[in-house]
Amino acid sequence: MEMALQVTSKTEESFGILNLTGSLTLGPSLGALREAALEVLSGGKLSGLILRVGEVTTVDSAGLGELTVVYTFASKQKCPIRLVEVNPSLHKILEMTRLDELLRAATDVASAKKQLKEQ
């Protein structure tokens, strides 16, 4: 059985950081990502939103949909977004669906912050 998605969030140096662990797939826990993102984004002006996805075990189309919803929320607030610690299987899915152009990846949180500051 897949582990349900767990999302923890924090704000650090004006960046919202969401840590995702478990399965980013259709199911009751999928809404946790949207809720956490909305909560962080409602906390005031952010320099960027960083999603740590290194501990995401599986992703399906519903999970990708949820990532694009979070991207849309962030974009409406002019808040750039980065995925960090993207594993090879997620990277392949993002490339195949061309979502890698929207959901740009950085190797780690530090480089994501640097990229977002330079935007």
PDB file of N, CA and C in Angstrom:
ATOM      1  N   MET A   1       0.842  -1.207   0.000  1.00  0.00           N
ATOM      2  CA  MET A   1       0.000   0.000   0.000  1.00  0.00           C
ATOM      3  C   MET A   1       0.871   1.248   0.000  1.00  0.00           C
ATOM      4  N   GLU A   2       0.523   2.182  -0.865  1.00  0.00           N
ATOM      5  CA  GLU A   2       1.268   3.442  -0.948  1.00  0.00           C
ATOM      6  C   GLU A   2       1.047   4.286   0.304  1.00  0.00           C
ATOM      7  N   MET A   3       2.082   5.030   0.658  1.00  0.00           N
ATOM      8  CA  MET A   3       1.944   5.924   1.797  1.00  0.00           C
ATOM      9  C   MET A   3       1.174   7.177   1.363  1.00  0.00           C
ATOM     10  N   ALA A   4       0.206   7.573   2.158  1.00  0.00           N
ATOM     11  CA  ALA A   4      -0.589   8.765   1.840  1.00  0.00           C
ATOM     12  C   ALA A   4       0.334   9.984   1.784  1.00  0.00           C
ATOM     13  N   LEU A   5      -0.049  10.941   0.972  1.00  0.00           N
ATOM     14  CA  LEU A   5       0.732  12.167   0.844  1.00  0.00           C
ATOM     15  C   LEU A   5       0.706  12.942   2.152  1.00  0.00           C
ATOM     16  N   GLN A   6       1.883  13.364   2.586  1.00  0.00           N
ATOM     17  CA  GLN A   6       1.987  14.245   3.743  1.00  0.00           C
ATOM     18  C   GLN A   6       2.701  15.504   3.298  1.00  0.00           C
ATOM     19  N   VAL A   7       2.191  16.646   3.735  1.00  0.00           N
ATOM     20  CA  VAL A   7       2.788  17.918   3.345  1.00  0.00           C
ATOM     21  C   VAL A   7       3.063  18.729   4.603  1.00  0.00           C
ATOM     22  N   THR A   8       4.297  19.176   4.752  1.00  0.00           N
ATOM     23  CA  THR A   8       4.617  20.107   5.824  1.00  0.00           C
ATOM     24  C   THR A   8       5.095  21.389   5.161  1.00  0.00           C
ATOM     25  N   SER A   9       4.805  22.505   5.791  1.00  0.00           N
ATOM     26  CA  SER A   9       5.177  23.774   5.169  1.00  0.00           C
ATOM     27  C   SER A   9       5.858  24.690   6.163  1.00  0.00           C
ATOM     28  N   LYS A  10       6.701  25.559   5.615  1.00  0.00           N
ATOM     29  CA  LYS A  10       7.336  26.589   6.440  1.00  0.00           C
ATOM     30  C   LYS A  10       7.663  27.761   5.534  1.00  0.00           C
ATOM     31  N   THR A  11       7.887  28.913   6.147  1.00  0.00           N
ATOM     32  CA  THR A  11       8.333  30.078   5.393  1.00  0.00           C
ATOM     33  C   THR A  11       9.729  30.415   5.890  1.00  0.00           C
ATOM     34  N   GLU A  12      10.630  30.614   4.945  1.00  0.00           N
ATOM     35  CA  GLU A  12      12.037  30.822   5.271  1.00  0.00           C
ATOM     36  C   GLU A  12      12.578  31.888   4.334  1.00  0.00           C
ATOM     37  N   GLU A  13      13.086  32.985   4.879  1.00  0.00           N
ATOM     38  CA  GLU A  13      13.650  34.081   4.062  1.00  0.00           C
ATOM     39  C   GLU A  13      12.694  34.499   2.945  1.00  0.00           C
ATOM     40  N   SER A  14      11.453  34.688   3.245  1.00  0.00           N
ATOM     41  CA  SER A  14      10.402  35.094   2.301  1.00  0.00           C
ATOM     42  C   SER A  14      10.100  34.046   1.218  1.00  0.00           C
ATOM     43  N   PHE A  15      10.531  32.810   1.421  1.00  0.00           N
ATOM     44  CA  PHE A  15      10.176  31.719   0.519  1.00  0.00           C
ATOM     45  C   PHE A  15       9.245  30.765   1.247  1.00  0.00           C
ATOM     46  N   GLY A  16       8.193  30.336   0.559  1.00  0.00           N
ATOM     47  CA  GLY A  16       7.348  29.277   1.092  1.00  0.00           C
ATOM     48  C   GLY A  16       7.963  27.952   0.677  1.00  0.00           C
ATOM     49  N   ILE A  17       8.130  27.046   1.631  1.00  0.00           N
ATOM     50  CA  ILE A  17       8.716  25.753   1.313  1.00  0.00           C
ATOM     51  C   ILE A  17       7.743  24.656   1.736  1.00  0.00           C
ATOM     52  N   LEU A  18       7.355  23.825   0.778  1.00  0.00           N
ATOM     53  CA  LEU A  18       6.469  22.702   1.060  1.00  0.00           C
ATOM     54  C   LEU A  18       7.259  21.409   0.904  1.00  0.00           C
ATOM     55  N   ASN A  19       7.270  20.592   1.942  1.00  0.00           N
ATOM     56  CA  ASN A  19       7.921  19.282   1.886  1.00  0.00           C
ATOM     57  C   ASN A  19       6.862  18.223   1.624  1.00  0.00           C
ATOM     58  N   LEU A  20       6.990  17.520   0.515  1.00  0.00           N
ATOM     59  CA  LEU A  20       6.019  16.484   0.146  1.00  0.00           C
ATOM     60  C   LEU A  20       6.640  15.115   0.389  1.00  0.00           C
ATOM     61  N   THR A  21       5.906  14.259   1.074  1.00  0.00           N
ATOM     62  CA  THR A  21       6.367  12.898   1.340  1.00  0.00           C
ATOM     63  C   THR A  21       5.234  11.928   1.018  1.00  0.00           C
ATOM     64  N   GLY A  22       5.565  10.836   0.336  1.00  0.00           N
ATOM     65  CA  GLY A  22       4.559   9.819   0.061  1.00  0.00           C
ATOM     66  C   GLY A  22       4.093   9.848  -1.376  1.00  0.00           C
ATOM     67  N   SER A  23       2.854   9.477  -1.556  1.00  0.00           N
ATOM     68  CA  SER A  23       2.299   9.235  -2.873  1.00  0.00           C
ATOM     69  C   SER A  23       1.476  10.436  -3.350  1.00  0.00           C
ATOM     70  N   LEU A  24       1.884  11.029  -4.473  1.00  0.00           N
ATOM     71  CA  LEU A  24       1.162  12.167  -5.058  1.00  0.00           C
ATOM     72  C   LEU A  24       0.199  11.601  -6.100  1.00  0.00           C
ATOM     73  N   THR A  25      -0.834  10.909  -5.585  1.00  0.00           N
ATOM     74  CA  THR A  25      -1.777  10.224  -6.470  1.00  0.00           C
ATOM     75  C   THR A  25      -3.209  10.488  -6.002  1.00  0.00           C
ATOM     76  N   LEU A  26      -4.149  10.142  -6.871  1.00  0.00           N
ATOM     77  CA  LEU A  26      -5.557  10.343  -6.566  1.00  0.00           C
ATOM     78  C   LEU A  26      -5.915   9.664  -5.246  1.00  0.00           C
ATOM     79  N   GLY A  27      -6.552  10.408  -4.366  1.00  0.00           N
ATOM     80  CA  GLY A  27      -6.936   9.845  -3.079  1.00  0.00           C
ATOM     81  C   GLY A  27      -7.248  10.959  -2.097  1.00  0.00           C
ATOM     82  N   PRO A  28      -7.718  10.591  -0.920  1.00  0.00           N
ATOM     83  CA  PRO A  28      -8.139  11.590   0.063  1.00  0.00           C
ATOM     84  C   PRO A  28      -7.029  12.540   0.514  1.00  0.00           C
ATOM     85  N   SER A  29      -5.773  12.078   0.452  1.00  0.00           N
ATOM     86  CA  SER A  29      -4.698  12.932   0.967  1.00  0.00           C
ATOM     87  C   SER A  29      -4.202  13.945  -0.060  1.00  0.00           C
ATOM     88  N   LEU A  30      -4.648  13.823  -1.313  1.00  0.00           N
ATOM     89  CA  LEU A  30      -4.143  14.706  -2.366  1.00  0.00           C
ATOM     90  C   LEU A  30      -4.444  16.176  -2.081  1.00  0.00           C
ATOM     91  N   GLY A  31      -5.597  16.453  -1.479  1.00  0.00           N
ATOM     92  CA  GLY A  31      -5.974  17.832  -1.170  1.00  0.00           C
ATOM     93  C   GLY A  31      -5.038  18.523  -0.198  1.00  0.00           C
ATOM     94  N   ALA A  32      -4.223  17.755   0.522  1.00  0.00           N
ATOM     95  CA  ALA A  32      -3.289  18.335   1.494  1.00  0.00           C
ATOM     96  C   ALA A  32      -2.311  19.286   0.814  1.00  0.00           C
ATOM     97  N   LEU A  33      -1.908  18.969  -0.408  1.00  0.00           N
ATOM     98  CA  LEU A  33      -0.970  19.824  -1.141  1.00  0.00           C
ATOM     99  C   LEU A  33      -1.599  21.180  -1.428  1.00  0.00           C
ATOM    100  N   ARG A  34      -2.827  21.163  -1.944  1.00  0.00           N
ATOM    101  CA  ARG A  34      -3.530  22.409  -2.269  1.00  0.00           C
ATOM    102  C   ARG A  34      -3.742  23.257  -1.005  1.00  0.00           C
ATOM    103  N   GLU A  35      -4.186  22.598   0.065  1.00  0.00           N
ATOM    104  CA  GLU A  35      -4.428  23.323   1.320  1.00  0.00           C
ATOM    105  C   GLU A  35      -3.157  23.963   1.859  1.00  0.00           C
ATOM    106  N   ALA A  36      -2.062  23.203   1.856  1.00  0.00           N
ATOM    107  CA  ALA A  36      -0.793  23.727   2.356  1.00  0.00           C
ATOM    108  C   ALA A  36      -0.304  24.887   1.494  1.00  0.00           C
ATOM    109  N   ALA A  37      -0.447  24.752   0.178  1.00  0.00           N
ATOM    110  CA  ALA A  37      -0.006  25.806  -0.734  1.00  0.00           C
ATOM    111  C   ALA A  37      -0.825  27.076  -0.520  1.00  0.00           C
ATOM    112  N   LEU A  38      -2.146  26.926  -0.417  1.00  0.00           N
ATOM    113  CA  LEU A  38      -3.001  28.098  -0.194  1.00  0.00           C
ATOM    114  C   LEU A  38      -2.657  28.785   1.123  1.00  0.00           C
ATOM    115  N   GLU A  39      -2.399  27.986   2.146  1.00  0.00           N
ATOM    116  CA  GLU A  39      -2.067  28.539   3.454  1.00  0.00           C
ATOM    117  C   GLU A  39      -0.774  29.346   3.394  1.00  0.00           C
ATOM    118  N   VAL A  40       0.261  28.776   2.778  1.00  0.00           N
ATOM    119  CA  VAL A  40       1.542  29.469   2.668  1.00  0.00           C
ATOM    120  C   VAL A  40       1.399  30.729   1.813  1.00  0.00           C
ATOM    121  N   LEU A  41       0.676  30.622   0.693  1.00  0.00           N
ATOM    122  CA  LEU A  41       0.513  31.764  -0.206  1.00  0.00           C
ATOM    123  C   LEU A  41      -0.327  32.875   0.425  1.00  0.00           C
ATOM    124  N   SER A  42      -1.224  32.513   1.349  1.00  0.00           N
ATOM    125  CA  SER A  42      -2.067  33.535   1.965  1.00  0.00           C
ATOM    126  C   SER A  42      -1.321  34.281   3.080  1.00  0.00           C
ATOM    127  N   GLY A  43      -0.128  33.797   3.416  1.00  0.00           N
ATOM    128  CA  GLY A  43       0.632  34.404   4.507  1.00  0.00           C
ATOM    129  C   GLY A  43       1.315  35.710   4.158  1.00  0.00           C
ATOM    130  N   GLY A  44       1.146  36.194   2.944  1.00  0.00           N
ATOM    131  CA  GLY A  44       1.790  37.454   2.558  1.00  0.00           C
ATOM    132  C   GLY A  44       2.649  37.248   1.328  1.00  0.00           C
ATOM    133  N   LYS A  45       3.273  38.317   0.871  1.00  0.00           N
ATOM    134  CA  LYS A  45       4.063  38.288  -0.367  1.00  0.00           C
ATOM    135  C   LYS A  45       5.292  37.402  -0.197  1.00  0.00           C
ATOM    136  N   LEU A  46       5.420  36.422  -1.075  1.00  0.00           N
ATOM    137  CA  LEU A  46       6.573  35.529  -1.049  1.00  0.00           C
ATOM    138  C   LEU A  46       7.466  35.811  -2.256  1.00  0.00           C
ATOM    139  N   SER A  47       8.758  35.556  -2.092  1.00  0.00           N
ATOM    140  CA  SER A  47       9.691  35.671  -3.220  1.00  0.00           C
ATOM    141  C   SER A  47       9.612  34.444  -4.116  1.00  0.00           C
ATOM    142  N   GLY A  48       9.042  33.367  -3.580  1.00  0.00           N
ATOM    143  CA  GLY A  48       8.902  32.151  -4.379  1.00  0.00           C
ATOM    144  C   GLY A  48       8.334  31.029  -3.537  1.00  0.00           C
ATOM    145  N   LEU A  49       7.843  30.007  -4.236  1.00  0.00           N
ATOM    146  CA  LEU A  49       7.306  28.817  -3.579  1.00  0.00           C
ATOM    147  C   LEU A  49       8.156  27.632  -4.018  1.00  0.00           C
ATOM    148  N   ILE A  50       8.704  26.909  -3.046  1.00  0.00           N
ATOM    149  CA  ILE A  50       9.591  25.782  -3.332  1.00  0.00           C
ATOM    150  C   ILE A  50       8.922  24.499  -2.867  1.00  0.00           C
ATOM    151  N   LEU A  51       8.786  23.539  -3.784  1.00  0.00           N
ATOM    152  CA  LEU A  51       8.197  22.244  -3.441  1.00  0.00           C
ATOM    153  C   LEU A  51       9.295  21.192  -3.419  1.00  0.00           C
ATOM    154  N   ARG A  52       9.576  20.664  -2.254  1.00  0.00           N
ATOM    155  CA  ARG A  52      10.571  19.587  -2.120  1.00  0.00           C
ATOM    156  C   ARG A  52       9.863  18.263  -2.395  1.00  0.00           C
ATOM    157  N   VAL A  53      10.199  17.650  -3.521  1.00  0.00           N
ATOM    158  CA  VAL A  53       9.498  16.440  -3.946  1.00  0.00           C
ATOM    159  C   VAL A  53      10.393  15.200  -3.918  1.00  0.00           C
ATOM    160  N   GLY A  54      11.534  15.297  -3.260  1.00  0.00           N
ATOM    161  CA  GLY A  54      12.485  14.186  -3.221  1.00  0.00           C
ATOM    162  C   GLY A  54      11.941  12.932  -2.557  1.00  0.00           C
ATOM    163  N   GLU A  55      10.956  13.082  -1.673  1.00  0.00           N
ATOM    164  CA  GLU A  55      10.413  11.921  -0.974  1.00  0.00           C
ATOM    165  C   GLU A  55       9.037  11.516  -1.497  1.00  0.00           C
ATOM    166  N   VAL A  56       8.696  12.023  -2.690  1.00  0.00           N
ATOM    167  CA  VAL A  56       7.449  11.593  -3.333  1.00  0.00           C
ATOM    168  C   VAL A  56       7.728  10.255  -4.007  1.00  0.00           C
ATOM    169  N   THR A  57       6.949   9.252  -3.674  1.00  0.00           N
ATOM    170  CA  THR A  57       7.204   7.896  -4.164  1.00  0.00           C
ATOM    171  C   THR A  57       6.556   7.615  -5.517  1.00  0.00           C
ATOM    172  N   THR A  58       5.343   8.102  -5.735  1.00  0.00           N
ATOM    173  CA  THR A  58       4.642   7.874  -6.998  1.00  0.00           C
ATOM    174  C   THR A  58       3.814   9.102  -7.347  1.00  0.00           C
ATOM    175  N   VAL A  59       3.626   9.294  -8.651  1.00  0.00           N
ATOM    176  CA  VAL A  59       2.815  10.413  -9.147  1.00  0.00           C
ATOM    177  C   VAL A  59       1.906   9.871 -10.236  1.00  0.00           C
ATOM    178  N   ASP A  60       0.638  10.290 -10.211  1.00  0.00           N
ATOM    179  CA  ASP A  60      -0.254   9.940 -11.321  1.00  0.00           C
ATOM    180  C   ASP A  60      -0.816  11.236 -11.906  1.00  0.00           C
ATOM    181  N   SER A  61      -1.755  11.097 -12.836  1.00  0.00           N
ATOM    182  CA  SER A  61      -2.281  12.287 -13.512  1.00  0.00           C
ATOM    183  C   SER A  61      -2.981  13.227 -12.530  1.00  0.00           C
ATOM    184  N   ALA A  62      -3.621  12.673 -11.502  1.00  0.00           N
ATOM    185  CA  ALA A  62      -4.275  13.533 -10.501  1.00  0.00           C
ATOM    186  C   ALA A  62      -3.223  14.324  -9.731  1.00  0.00           C
ATOM    187  N   GLY A  63      -2.107  13.681  -9.430  1.00  0.00           N
ATOM    188  CA  GLY A  63      -1.014  14.363  -8.736  1.00  0.00           C
ATOM    189  C   GLY A  63      -0.430  15.482  -9.583  1.00  0.00           C
ATOM    190  N   LEU A  64      -0.246  15.215 -10.879  1.00  0.00           N
ATOM    191  CA  LEU A  64       0.242  16.256 -11.790  1.00  0.00           C
ATOM    192  C   LEU A  64      -0.756  17.402 -11.859  1.00  0.00           C
ATOM    193  N   GLY A  65      -2.036  17.045 -11.897  1.00  0.00           N
ATOM    194  CA  GLY A  65      -3.089  18.070 -11.924  1.00  0.00           C
ATOM    195  C   GLY A  65      -2.997  18.965 -10.697  1.00  0.00           C
ATOM    196  N   GLU A  66      -2.751  18.344  -9.564  1.00  0.00           N
ATOM    197  CA  GLU A  66      -2.663  19.103  -8.313  1.00  0.00           C
ATOM    198  C   GLU A  66      -1.441  20.035  -8.338  1.00  0.00           C
ATOM    199  N   LEU A  67      -0.327  19.569  -8.908  1.00  0.00           N
ATOM    200  CA  LEU A  67       0.855  20.427  -9.044  1.00  0.00           C
ATOM    201  C   LEU A  67       0.544  21.639  -9.924  1.00  0.00           C
ATOM    202  N   THR A  68      -0.232  21.424 -10.998  1.00  0.00           N
ATOM    203  CA  THR A  68      -0.569  22.555 -11.867  1.00  0.00           C
ATOM    204  C   THR A  68      -1.541  23.513 -11.188  1.00  0.00           C
ATOM    205  N   VAL A  69      -2.418  22.990 -10.325  1.00  0.00           N
ATOM    206  CA  VAL A  69      -3.316  23.862  -9.548  1.00  0.00           C
ATOM    207  C   VAL A  69      -2.486  24.757  -8.626  1.00  0.00           C
ATOM    208  N   VAL A  70      -1.501  24.164  -7.961  1.00  0.00           N
ATOM    209  CA  VAL A  70      -0.626  24.945  -7.078  1.00  0.00           C
ATOM    210  C   VAL A  70       0.135  25.994  -7.892  1.00  0.00           C
ATOM    211  N   TYR A  71       0.602  25.604  -9.077  1.00  0.00           N
ATOM    212  CA  TYR A  71       1.290  26.551  -9.962  1.00  0.00           C
ATOM    213  C   TYR A  71       0.375  27.730 -10.308  1.00  0.00           C
ATOM    214  N   THR A  72      -0.883  27.420 -10.609  1.00  0.00           N
ATOM    215  CA  THR A  72      -1.853  28.463 -10.962  1.00  0.00           C
ATOM    216  C   THR A  72      -2.092  29.419  -9.797  1.00  0.00           C
ATOM    217  N   PHE A  73      -2.283  28.865  -8.590  1.00  0.00           N
ATOM    218  CA  PHE A  73      -2.464  29.719  -7.396  1.00  0.00           C
ATOM    219  C   PHE A  73      -1.270  30.659  -7.232  1.00  0.00           C
ATOM    220  N   ALA A  74      -0.069  30.098  -7.347  1.00  0.00           N
ATOM    221  CA  ALA A  74       1.154  30.877  -7.155  1.00  0.00           C
ATOM    222  C   ALA A  74       1.281  31.949  -8.229  1.00  0.00           C
ATOM    223  N   SER A  75       0.993  31.575  -9.482  1.00  0.00           N
ATOM    224  CA  SER A  75       1.111  32.530 -10.595  1.00  0.00           C
ATOM    225  C   SER A  75       0.181  33.717 -10.424  1.00  0.00           C
ATOM    226  N   LYS A  76      -1.028  33.452  -9.923  1.00  0.00           N
ATOM    227  CA  LYS A  76      -1.987  34.542  -9.716  1.00  0.00           C
ATOM    228  C   LYS A  76      -1.453  35.561  -8.714  1.00  0.00           C
ATOM    229  N   GLN A  77      -0.574  35.103  -7.834  1.00  0.00           N
ATOM    230  CA  GLN A  77       0.020  36.003  -6.852  1.00  0.00           C
ATOM    231  C   GLN A  77       1.418  36.457  -7.275  1.00  0.00           C
ATOM    232  N   LYS A  78       1.744  36.241  -8.545  1.00  0.00           N
ATOM    233  CA  LYS A  78       3.064  36.602  -9.074  1.00  0.00           C
ATOM    234  C   LYS A  78       4.174  35.968  -8.242  1.00  0.00           C
ATOM    235  N   CYS A  79       3.944  34.749  -7.830  1.00  0.00           N
ATOM    236  CA  CYS A  79       4.900  34.027  -6.992  1.00  0.00           C
ATOM    237  C   CYS A  79       5.512  32.892  -7.813  1.00  0.00           C
ATOM    238  N   PRO A  80       6.782  33.009  -8.195  1.00  0.00           N
ATOM    239  CA  PRO A  80       7.402  31.940  -8.983  1.00  0.00           C
ATOM    240  C   PRO A  80       7.530  30.650  -8.167  1.00  0.00           C
ATOM    241  N   ILE A  81       7.618  29.535  -8.865  1.00  0.00           N
ATOM    242  CA  ILE A  81       7.612  28.237  -8.194  1.00  0.00           C
ATOM    243  C   ILE A  81       8.781  27.394  -8.701  1.00  0.00           C
ATOM    244  N   ARG A  82       9.335  26.580  -7.821  1.00  0.00           N
ATOM    245  CA  ARG A  82      10.395  25.634  -8.200  1.00  0.00           C
ATOM    246  C   ARG A  82      10.135  24.300  -7.516  1.00  0.00           C
ATOM    247  N   LEU A  83      10.426  23.229  -8.241  1.00  0.00           N
ATOM    248  CA  LEU A  83      10.439  21.895  -7.646  1.00  0.00           C
ATOM    249  C   LEU A  83      11.900  21.565  -7.349  1.00  0.00           C
ATOM    250  N   VAL A  84      12.169  20.987  -6.206  1.00  0.00           N
ATOM    251  CA  VAL A  84      13.547  20.585  -5.916  1.00  0.00           C
ATOM    252  C   VAL A  84      13.593  19.105  -5.558  1.00  0.00           C
ATOM    253  N   GLU A  85      14.779  18.520  -5.763  1.00  0.00           N
ATOM    254  CA  GLU A  85      15.014  17.100  -5.481  1.00  0.00           C
ATOM    255  C   GLU A  85      14.081  16.213  -6.308  1.00  0.00           C
ATOM    256  N   VAL A  86      13.893  16.581  -7.570  1.00  0.00           N
ATOM    257  CA  VAL A  86      12.999  15.817  -8.458  1.00  0.00           C
ATOM    258  C   VAL A  86      13.657  14.478  -8.801  1.00  0.00           C
ATOM    259  N   ASN A  87      12.976  13.380  -8.510  1.00  0.00           N
ATOM    260  CA  ASN A  87      13.546  12.067  -8.824  1.00  0.00           C
ATOM    261  C   ASN A  87      13.392  11.770 -10.319  1.00  0.00           C
ATOM    262  N   PRO A  88      14.176  10.814 -10.845  1.00  0.00           N
ATOM    263  CA  PRO A  88      14.161  10.546 -12.291  1.00  0.00           C
ATOM    264  C   PRO A  88      12.778  10.206 -12.856  1.00  0.00           C
ATOM    265  N   SER A  89      11.961   9.457 -12.109  1.00  0.00           N
ATOM    266  CA  SER A  89      10.650   9.089 -12.664  1.00  0.00           C
ATOM    267  C   SER A  89       9.726  10.301 -12.756  1.00  0.00           C
ATOM    268  N   LEU A  90       9.738  11.163 -11.751  1.00  0.00           N
ATOM    269  CA  LEU A  90       8.921  12.384 -11.816  1.00  0.00           C
ATOM    270  C   LEU A  90       9.436  13.292 -12.927  1.00  0.00           C
ATOM    271  N   HIS A  91      10.746  13.400 -13.036  1.00  0.00           N
ATOM    272  CA  HIS A  91      11.358  14.234 -14.084  1.00  0.00           C
ATOM    273  C   HIS A  91      10.881  13.780 -15.472  1.00  0.00           C
ATOM    274  N   LYS A  92      10.854  12.466 -15.679  1.00  0.00           N
ATOM    275  CA  LYS A  92      10.431  11.900 -16.964  1.00  0.00           C
ATOM    276  C   LYS A  92       8.968  12.244 -17.245  1.00  0.00           C
ATOM    277  N   ILE A  93       8.114  12.109 -16.221  1.00  0.00           N
ATOM    278  CA  ILE A  93       6.687  12.435 -16.382  1.00  0.00           C
ATOM    279  C   ILE A  93       6.516  13.924 -16.714  1.00  0.00           C
ATOM    280  N   LEU A  94       7.248  14.778 -16.017  1.00  0.00           N
ATOM    281  CA  LEU A  94       7.156  16.223 -16.274  1.00  0.00           C
ATOM    282  C   LEU A  94       7.603  16.546 -17.701  1.00  0.00           C
ATOM    283  N   GLU A  95       8.650  15.882 -18.156  1.00  0.00           N
ATOM    284  CA  GLU A  95       9.116  16.101 -19.532  1.00  0.00           C
ATOM    285  C   GLU A  95       8.089  15.621 -20.549  1.00  0.00           C
ATOM    286  N   MET A  96       7.555  14.414 -20.334  1.00  0.00           N
ATOM    287  CA  MET A  96       6.587  13.838 -21.282  1.00  0.00           C
ATOM    288  C   MET A  96       5.337  14.704 -21.397  1.00  0.00           C
ATOM    289  N   THR A  97       4.925  15.313 -20.297  1.00  0.00           N
ATOM    290  CA  THR A  97       3.704  16.118 -20.304  1.00  0.00           C
ATOM    291  C   THR A  97       4.009  17.598 -20.583  1.00  0.00           C
ATOM    292  N   ARG A  98       5.291  17.895 -20.789  1.00  0.00           N
ATOM    293  CA  ARG A  98       5.760  19.271 -21.027  1.00  0.00           C
ATOM    294  C   ARG A  98       5.521  20.193 -19.831  1.00  0.00           C
ATOM    295  N   LEU A  99       5.228  19.602 -18.677  1.00  0.00           N
ATOM    296  CA  LEU A  99       5.025  20.432 -17.491  1.00  0.00           C
ATOM    297  C   LEU A  99       6.348  20.933 -16.928  1.00  0.00           C
ATOM    298  N   ASP A 100       7.456  20.356 -17.410  1.00  0.00           N
ATOM    299  CA  ASP A 100       8.761  20.816 -16.937  1.00  0.00           C
ATOM    300  C   ASP A 100       9.014  22.274 -17.316  1.00  0.00           C
ATOM    301  N   GLU A 101       8.258  22.788 -18.320  1.00  0.00           N
ATOM    302  CA  GLU A 101       8.413  24.192 -18.694  1.00  0.00           C
ATOM    303  C   GLU A 101       7.718  25.119 -17.689  1.00  0.00           C
ATOM    304  N   LEU A 102       6.641  24.629 -17.077  1.00  0.00           N
ATOM    305  CA  LEU A 102       5.938  25.407 -16.042  1.00  0.00           C
ATOM    306  C   LEU A 102       6.568  25.189 -14.674  1.00  0.00           C
ATOM    307  N   LEU A 103       6.758  23.908 -14.362  1.00  0.00           N
ATOM    308  CA  LEU A 103       7.249  23.509 -13.046  1.00  0.00           C
ATOM    309  C   LEU A 103       8.744  23.261 -13.155  1.00  0.00           C
ATOM    310  N   ARG A 104       9.484  24.342 -13.168  1.00  0.00           N
ATOM    311  CA  ARG A 104      10.935  24.224 -13.344  1.00  0.00           C
ATOM    312  C   ARG A 104      11.566  23.600 -12.115  1.00  0.00           C
ATOM    313  N   ALA A 105      12.642  22.868 -12.366  1.00  0.00           N
ATOM    314  CA  ALA A 105      13.299  22.148 -11.279  1.00  0.00           C
ATOM    315  C   ALA A 105      14.641  22.781 -10.932  1.00  0.00           C
ATOM    316  N   ALA A 106      14.996  22.644  -9.669  1.00  0.00           N
ATOM    317  CA  ALA A 106      16.321  23.035  -9.192  1.00  0.00           C
ATOM    318  C   ALA A 106      16.840  21.845  -8.385  1.00  0.00           C
ATOM    319  N   THR A 107      18.168  21.743  -8.259  1.00  0.00           N
ATOM    320  CA  THR A 107      18.719  20.563  -7.590  1.00  0.00           C
ATOM    321  C   THR A 107      18.393  20.540  -6.107  1.00  0.00           C
ATOM    322  N   ASP A 108      18.452  21.710  -5.453  1.00  0.00           N
ATOM    323  CA  ASP A 108      18.201  21.747  -4.009  1.00  0.00           C
ATOM    324  C   ASP A 108      17.582  23.093  -3.622  1.00  0.00           C
ATOM    325  N   VAL A 109      17.241  23.220  -2.351  1.00  0.00           N
ATOM    326  CA  VAL A 109      16.556  24.427  -1.873  1.00  0.00           C
ATOM    327  C   VAL A 109      17.430  25.670  -2.073  1.00  0.00           C
ATOM    328  N   ALA A 110      18.714  25.559  -1.790  1.00  0.00           N
ATOM    329  CA  ALA A 110      19.604  26.723  -1.921  1.00  0.00           C
ATOM    330  C   ALA A 110      19.654  27.232  -3.362  1.00  0.00           C
ATOM    331  N   SER A 111      19.786  26.320  -4.331  1.00  0.00           N
ATOM    332  CA  SER A 111      19.842  26.773  -5.721  1.00  0.00           C
ATOM    333  C   SER A 111      18.483  27.278  -6.194  1.00  0.00           C
ATOM    334  N   ALA A 112      17.400  26.706  -5.658  1.00  0.00           N
ATOM    335  CA  ALA A 112      16.059  27.196  -5.999  1.00  0.00           C
ATOM    336  C   ALA A 112      15.899  28.636  -5.519  1.00  0.00           C
ATOM    337  N   LYS A 113      16.323  28.918  -4.292  1.00  0.00           N
ATOM    338  CA  LYS A 113      16.232  30.287  -3.763  1.00  0.00           C
ATOM    339  C   LYS A 113      17.033  31.245  -4.636  1.00  0.00           C
ATOM    340  N   LYS A 114      18.220  30.823  -5.035  1.00  0.00           N
ATOM    341  CA  LYS A 114      19.084  31.664  -5.874  1.00  0.00           C
ATOM    342  C   LYS A 114      18.393  31.952  -7.203  1.00  0.00           C
ATOM    343  N   GLN A 115      17.846  30.916  -7.859  1.00  0.00           N
ATOM    344  CA  GLN A 115      17.149  31.101  -9.140  1.00  0.00           C
ATOM    345  C   GLN A 115      15.957  32.043  -8.986  1.00  0.00           C
ATOM    346  N   LEU A 116      15.188  31.854  -7.927  1.00  0.00           N
ATOM    347  CA  LEU A 116      13.981  32.663  -7.735  1.00  0.00           C
ATOM    348  C   LEU A 116      14.331  34.114  -7.436  1.00  0.00           C
ATOM    349  N   LYS A 117      15.418  34.352  -6.726  1.00  0.00           N
ATOM    350  CA  LYS A 117      15.847  35.736  -6.448  1.00  0.00           C
ATOM    351  C   LYS A 117      16.277  36.444  -7.721  1.00  0.00           C
ATOM    352  N   GLU A 118      16.803  35.670  -8.659  1.00  0.00           N
ATOM    353  CA  GLU A 118      17.330  36.270  -9.904  1.00  0.00           C
ATOM    354  C   GLU A 118      16.229  36.543 -10.922  1.00  0.00           C
ATOM    355  N   GLN A 119      15.009  36.063 -10.678  1.00  0.00           N
ATOM    356  CA  GLN A 119      13.924  36.250 -11.656  1.00  0.00           C
ATOM    357  C   GLN A 119      13.503  37.696 -11.744  1.00  0.00           C
TER     358      GLN A 119
END
